[in-house]
Protein backbone atom coordinates (compact mmCIF):
# COMPACT_ATOMS: atom_id res chain seq x y z
CA MET A 1 74.50 116.07 76.32
CA LEU A 2 73.79 117.02 75.47
CA VAL A 3 77.58 116.83 73.83
CA GLY A 4 77.39 120.32 74.42
CA GLY A 5 74.69 118.61 73.55
CA VAL A 6 71.30 118.93 72.99
CA LEU A 7 70.00 117.54 71.65
CA LEU A 8 68.38 114.60 71.56
CA ALA A 9 67.81 117.54 69.40
CA ALA A 10 67.53 117.79 65.69
CA CYS A 11 67.60 120.54 63.10
CA SER A 12 67.35 120.81 59.44
CA SER A 13 68.95 118.12 57.34
CA ALA A 14 70.96 120.78 55.55
CA GLU A 15 72.97 121.23 58.78
CA HIS A 16 74.12 117.61 58.87
CA SER A 17 77.83 117.14 58.88
CA SER A 18 80.03 114.05 59.20
CA ALA A 19 80.51 112.69 62.68
CA PHE A 20 82.41 109.79 64.33
CA ARG A 21 80.12 106.94 65.22
CA SER A 22 80.69 104.13 67.64
CA GLY A 23 82.46 101.21 65.92
CA GLU A 24 83.40 103.28 62.94
CA ALA A 25 86.71 102.40 61.37
CA SER A 26 89.59 104.92 61.83
CA GLU A 27 89.78 107.27 58.91
CA GLN A 28 91.31 110.65 58.25
CA GLU A 29 87.97 111.80 56.90
CA ALA A 30 84.71 110.91 58.67
CA PRO A 31 82.15 109.40 56.27
CA ALA A 32 79.63 111.81 54.68
CA GLY A 33 76.09 111.80 56.02
CA GLY A 34 76.99 111.13 59.59
CA GLY A 35 74.56 111.64 62.44
CA ASN A 36 74.55 114.25 65.12
CA THR A 37 78.00 115.22 66.31
CA THR A 38 77.06 115.88 69.85
CA PHE A 39 75.05 114.33 72.50
CA ASN A 40 73.46 117.52 73.35
CA PRO A 41 70.55 117.29 71.24
CA SER A 42 72.62 119.07 68.92
CA ASP A 43 70.90 120.04 65.61
CA ALA A 44 70.98 116.87 63.80
CA GLY A 45 67.88 115.87 62.04
CA ALA A 46 64.33 114.51 62.46
CA THR A 47 65.58 111.20 63.74
CA ASP A 48 66.72 112.98 66.86
CA LYS A 49 63.05 113.28 67.99
CA ALA A 50 63.18 109.64 69.03
CA ALA A 51 66.44 110.30 70.92
CA ASN A 52 64.78 113.11 72.81
CA ALA A 53 61.60 111.27 73.54
CA GLY A 54 62.92 109.83 76.78
CA LEU A 55 63.65 113.31 78.18
CA CYS A 56 60.61 115.14 76.71
CA GLY A 57 58.20 112.39 76.93
CA VAL A 58 56.87 113.32 73.52
CA VAL A 59 54.07 111.10 72.31
CA THR A 60 51.54 111.55 69.46
CA ASP A 61 48.59 112.47 71.69
CA ASN A 62 50.38 115.21 73.70
CA CYS A 63 51.19 118.79 73.00
CA SER A 64 54.73 119.70 71.95
CA PRO A 65 57.02 121.60 74.34
CA ASP A 66 58.56 123.30 71.34
CA ASP A 67 55.24 124.97 70.46
CA ASP A 68 55.44 128.81 71.06
CA GLY A 69 52.30 129.63 69.12
CA ARG A 70 54.11 130.21 65.85
CA SER A 71 54.32 126.65 64.70
CA THR A 72 53.86 125.83 61.05
CA PRO A 73 51.75 123.90 60.56
CA PRO A 74 49.90 124.70 63.83
CA TYR A 75 49.49 121.88 66.40
CA GLY A 76 45.69 122.39 66.26
CA ALA A 77 43.85 120.49 68.99
CA LEU A 78 47.12 119.58 70.59
CA ALA A 79 48.27 123.27 70.89
CA CYS A 80 48.50 125.09 74.17
CA ALA A 81 49.96 128.39 73.01
CA THR A 82 48.05 130.85 70.86
CA PRO A 83 49.64 132.94 68.06
CA PRO A 84 51.23 136.13 69.56
CA ASP A 85 49.46 139.38 68.90
CA ASP A 86 52.54 141.61 69.60
CA ASP A 87 56.30 141.46 69.24
CA THR A 88 57.12 139.30 72.36
CA GLY A 89 57.68 136.29 70.17
CA ALA A 90 55.54 134.04 72.43
CA GLY A 91 52.01 132.94 72.48
CA GLY A 92 49.22 133.27 75.05
CA SER A 93 49.02 132.37 78.73
CA LEU A 94 49.40 128.59 78.35
CA GLY A 95 52.47 126.66 77.32
CA CYS A 96 53.30 123.05 76.83
CA ARG A 97 55.86 121.78 79.35
CA ILE A 98 57.45 118.52 80.46
CA ALA A 99 55.59 117.20 83.52
CA LYS A 100 55.53 114.17 85.90
CA ASN A 101 53.37 111.41 84.64
CA GLY A 102 53.20 108.40 86.81
CA GLY A 103 56.78 106.92 86.88
CA GLY A 104 57.78 108.99 83.82
CA VAL A 105 57.24 112.31 82.10
CA ALA A 106 54.92 113.60 79.45
CA PRO A 107 54.22 117.11 78.08
CA LYS A 108 51.09 118.88 79.18
CA CYS A 109 49.58 122.46 79.02
CA ASP A 110 50.55 124.67 81.91
CA ALA A 111 50.50 128.28 82.93
CA ALA A 112 52.94 130.61 81.03
CA ASP A 113 54.11 134.21 81.07
CA PRO A 114 54.77 135.62 77.56
CA ARG A 115 57.42 137.90 79.19
CA GLY A 116 59.67 134.96 80.17
CA VAL A 117 61.73 134.61 77.06
CA ASP A 118 65.38 133.61 76.61
CA GLY A 119 67.60 134.54 79.56
CA VAL A 120 64.85 135.92 81.77
CA SER A 121 65.32 134.93 85.46
CA CYS A 122 62.73 132.50 86.76
CA SER A 123 61.85 130.29 89.71
CA SER A 124 59.49 127.86 87.88
CA GLY A 125 58.30 127.07 84.32
CA SER A 126 55.17 128.94 84.76
CA GLU A 127 57.25 132.18 84.64
CA CYS A 128 58.44 131.33 81.19
CA ALA A 129 56.77 131.92 77.82
CA PRO A 130 55.25 129.18 75.69
CA GLY A 131 58.04 127.12 74.19
CA PHE A 132 60.33 127.89 77.09
CA ASP A 133 61.03 126.37 80.49
CA CYS A 134 63.05 127.26 83.60
CA VAL A 135 66.39 125.53 83.86
CA GLU A 136 69.44 125.70 85.98
CA SER A 137 72.46 127.72 84.71
CA ASP A 138 75.81 129.07 86.09
CA LYS A 139 74.00 132.37 86.62
CA GLY A 140 70.98 131.10 88.28
CA ALA A 141 67.63 129.81 86.98
CA VAL A 142 66.71 131.28 83.62
CA CYS A 143 64.14 130.61 80.85
CA ARG A 144 65.48 128.74 77.81
CA ARG A 145 63.68 127.60 74.69
CA TYR A 146 62.97 123.86 74.35
CA CYS A 147 64.52 121.89 71.49
CA CYS A 148 62.80 118.60 71.90
CA ALA A 149 62.75 118.30 68.09
CA GLY A 150 66.45 119.07 68.19
CA SER A 151 66.63 122.34 66.26
CA CYS A 152 68.17 125.47 67.57
CA ALA A 153 69.53 126.60 64.13
CA SER A 154 67.10 129.54 63.91
CA GLN A 155 67.00 130.40 67.58
CA SER A 156 69.07 133.26 68.78
CA SER A 157 70.02 134.01 72.48
CA GLN A 158 68.78 137.08 74.23
CA ASN A 159 72.00 138.86 72.94
CA GLY A 160 71.33 137.83 69.38
CA GLY A 161 74.12 135.16 69.23
CA PRO A 162 73.77 131.55 68.04
CA THR A 163 72.51 128.79 70.27
CA PHE A 164 72.92 124.98 70.36
CA CYS A 165 70.72 122.20 71.71
CA ASP A 166 71.99 120.96 75.06
CA ILE A 167 70.49 119.23 78.19
CA ARG A 168 69.94 121.14 81.42
CA LYS A 169 68.11 120.38 84.69
CA LEU A 170 64.64 121.72 85.04
CA VAL A 171 63.85 123.94 87.99
CA ASP A 172 60.92 121.76 89.16
CA PRO A 173 61.14 119.81 92.48
CA SER A 174 58.41 117.43 91.30
CA LEU A 175 60.61 116.23 88.45
CA ALA A 176 63.47 115.30 90.76
CA GLN A 177 66.31 117.06 88.76
CA HIS A 178 64.93 115.87 85.40
CA LYS A 179 66.99 117.08 82.38
CA ALA A 180 65.50 118.64 79.28
CA PRO A 181 66.89 119.71 75.86
CA VAL A 182 67.02 123.46 75.55
CA CYS A 183 68.70 125.95 73.36
CA MET A 184 71.80 127.39 75.08
CA PRO A 185 73.98 130.31 73.94
CA ILE A 186 77.23 129.24 72.40
CA LYS A 187 80.15 130.43 74.55
CA THR A 188 82.94 130.06 72.02
CA CYS A 189 86.31 128.48 72.86
CA LYS A 190 89.10 126.57 71.30
CA LEU A 191 89.40 122.83 71.80
CA LEU A 192 92.08 121.65 74.29
CA ARG A 193 92.27 125.19 75.66
CA GLU A 194 90.48 124.64 79.00
CA ASP A 195 91.48 128.07 80.29
CA GLU A 196 88.98 129.64 77.96
CA CYS A 197 86.00 128.03 79.92
CA GLY A 198 84.83 128.17 83.56
CA ASP A 199 86.04 125.88 86.27
CA LYS A 200 83.03 123.59 85.84
CA GLU A 201 83.12 123.63 82.02
CA THR A 202 85.01 122.06 79.22
CA CYS A 203 85.43 122.99 75.57
CA ALA A 204 83.68 120.66 73.13
CA VAL A 205 82.09 120.36 69.65
CA VAL A 206 78.54 121.55 70.06
CA ASN A 207 76.87 121.06 66.61
CA ASP A 208 77.22 119.27 63.31
CA GLY A 209 78.68 122.45 61.76
CA GLY A 210 81.80 121.96 64.05
CA ASP A 211 81.21 124.99 66.21
CA THR A 212 82.83 124.75 69.59
CA GLY A 213 81.67 126.03 72.96
CA CYS A 214 81.97 125.62 76.64
CA VAL A 215 79.66 123.04 78.14
CA PRO A 216 79.24 121.72 81.70
CA THR A 217 81.79 119.09 82.67
CA GLY A 218 79.99 115.82 83.28
CA ASN A 219 80.80 112.42 84.73
CA ALA A 220 80.80 110.43 81.38
CA LYS A 221 84.18 109.00 80.59
CA ALA A 222 85.78 108.10 77.16
CA GLY A 223 83.65 105.44 75.51
CA ALA A 224 80.66 105.99 77.70
CA MET A 225 77.27 107.00 76.39
CA CYS A 226 76.48 110.71 76.39
CA ASN A 227 72.83 110.90 75.21
CA ASP A 228 71.75 112.41 78.58
CA GLU A 229 75.00 113.16 80.39
CA HIS A 230 77.82 115.54 79.73
CA CYS A 231 81.31 114.22 79.04
CA ASP A 232 84.25 114.65 81.43
CA ARG A 233 86.91 117.44 80.89
CA GLY A 234 88.90 117.16 77.66
CA LEU A 235 86.25 114.90 75.94
CA THR A 236 83.58 115.64 73.44
CA CYS A 237 80.37 113.86 72.51
CA LEU A 238 79.97 112.52 68.99
CA GLY A 239 77.79 109.92 67.25
CA SER A 240 74.42 109.17 65.90
CA PRO A 241 71.15 110.00 67.67
CA GLY A 242 70.65 107.61 70.57
CA ASP A 243 74.19 106.32 70.33
CA ARG A 244 76.44 109.25 71.20
CA ARG A 245 79.68 108.52 73.08
CA CYS A 246 82.41 110.51 74.70
CA TYR A 247 85.73 110.70 72.85
CA LYS A 248 89.06 111.99 74.11
CA LEU A 249 90.13 115.12 72.19
CA CYS A 250 93.70 115.07 70.92
CA ARG A 251 96.27 116.91 68.71
CA VAL A 252 96.81 115.15 65.39
CA GLU A 253 100.48 115.72 65.45
CA GLY A 254 100.75 115.09 69.25
CA ALA A 255 100.93 112.10 71.52
CA ASP A 256 97.67 112.52 73.43
CA CYS A 257 96.22 109.08 72.74
CA GLY A 258 96.92 105.90 74.57
CA SER A 259 98.49 102.64 73.26
CA GLY A 260 96.74 101.26 70.27
CA GLN A 261 94.86 104.50 69.49
CA THR A 262 95.41 107.19 66.87
CA CYS A 263 94.34 110.83 66.78
CA ILE A 264 91.74 111.03 64.00
CA THR A 265 90.33 114.20 62.60
CA GLY A 266 87.47 114.75 60.14
CA SER A 267 85.03 117.31 58.69
CA VAL A 268 83.23 117.78 61.97
CA PHE A 269 86.40 119.66 63.26
CA GLN A 270 86.83 123.12 61.90
CA ASP A 271 90.42 122.98 63.16
CA THR A 272 91.80 119.91 61.50
CA THR A 273 94.87 119.85 63.75
CA VAL A 274 92.45 118.50 66.47
CA GLY A 275 90.62 115.22 66.42
CA VAL A 276 89.61 112.36 68.73
CA CYS A 277 91.42 109.23 69.93
CA LYS A 278 90.17 106.08 68.20
């Protein structure tokens, strides 16, 4: 996921932190310059665009779902949204959204409603502002900002809190439950404290800064890829863009890991008493 995430996603290189990668030797400190810590397109870097391409269908001759009319530089001939003329934060009546394209998906210009910003209830993407789409959530369908480029670093939720890039199902029957990377509010929690999240959620690392949050519990088991699937309870998604895997969370001084494994922590963990089994 999206470990928490998104993200497929990528943010500024200044946000990069170390992350465990598949096949990496066990170390007490993860190597510097690691890739995205979470599968959720989680704020990792420009290289995450390629990891998100399969979900967003982003190609050079299409508009960008991330475009809300404020892009710098502007998307020019490929733009759908126009610069906003008020304080709504969204452009005109057209927005770029993921759409069905033969046997796959590709972004295209579609109807948009500038009032449909973060957290607004919706029943389809056309009720969301440019740069946003309608996705499933635990509180019903709501508009969330795309993060096909991976970055949610500068995007706040409707309550002004931080967000992270995660994958969520689009509310669009024609796309057959297709998932997209979107900026989700961070619901803070402590790792290995499952009572702090909902019944269908688990606490995981959600970005390269080591922030933790509640994410949907998925079906991916330890060692499985989590580029477009959330990990099971008690796991977190770490790795480089396109090669994120689920790891079992553990206590460094505990006995949570199986035979032949050790609980390893690193700079991606703000609480270094917690790590992953490797």
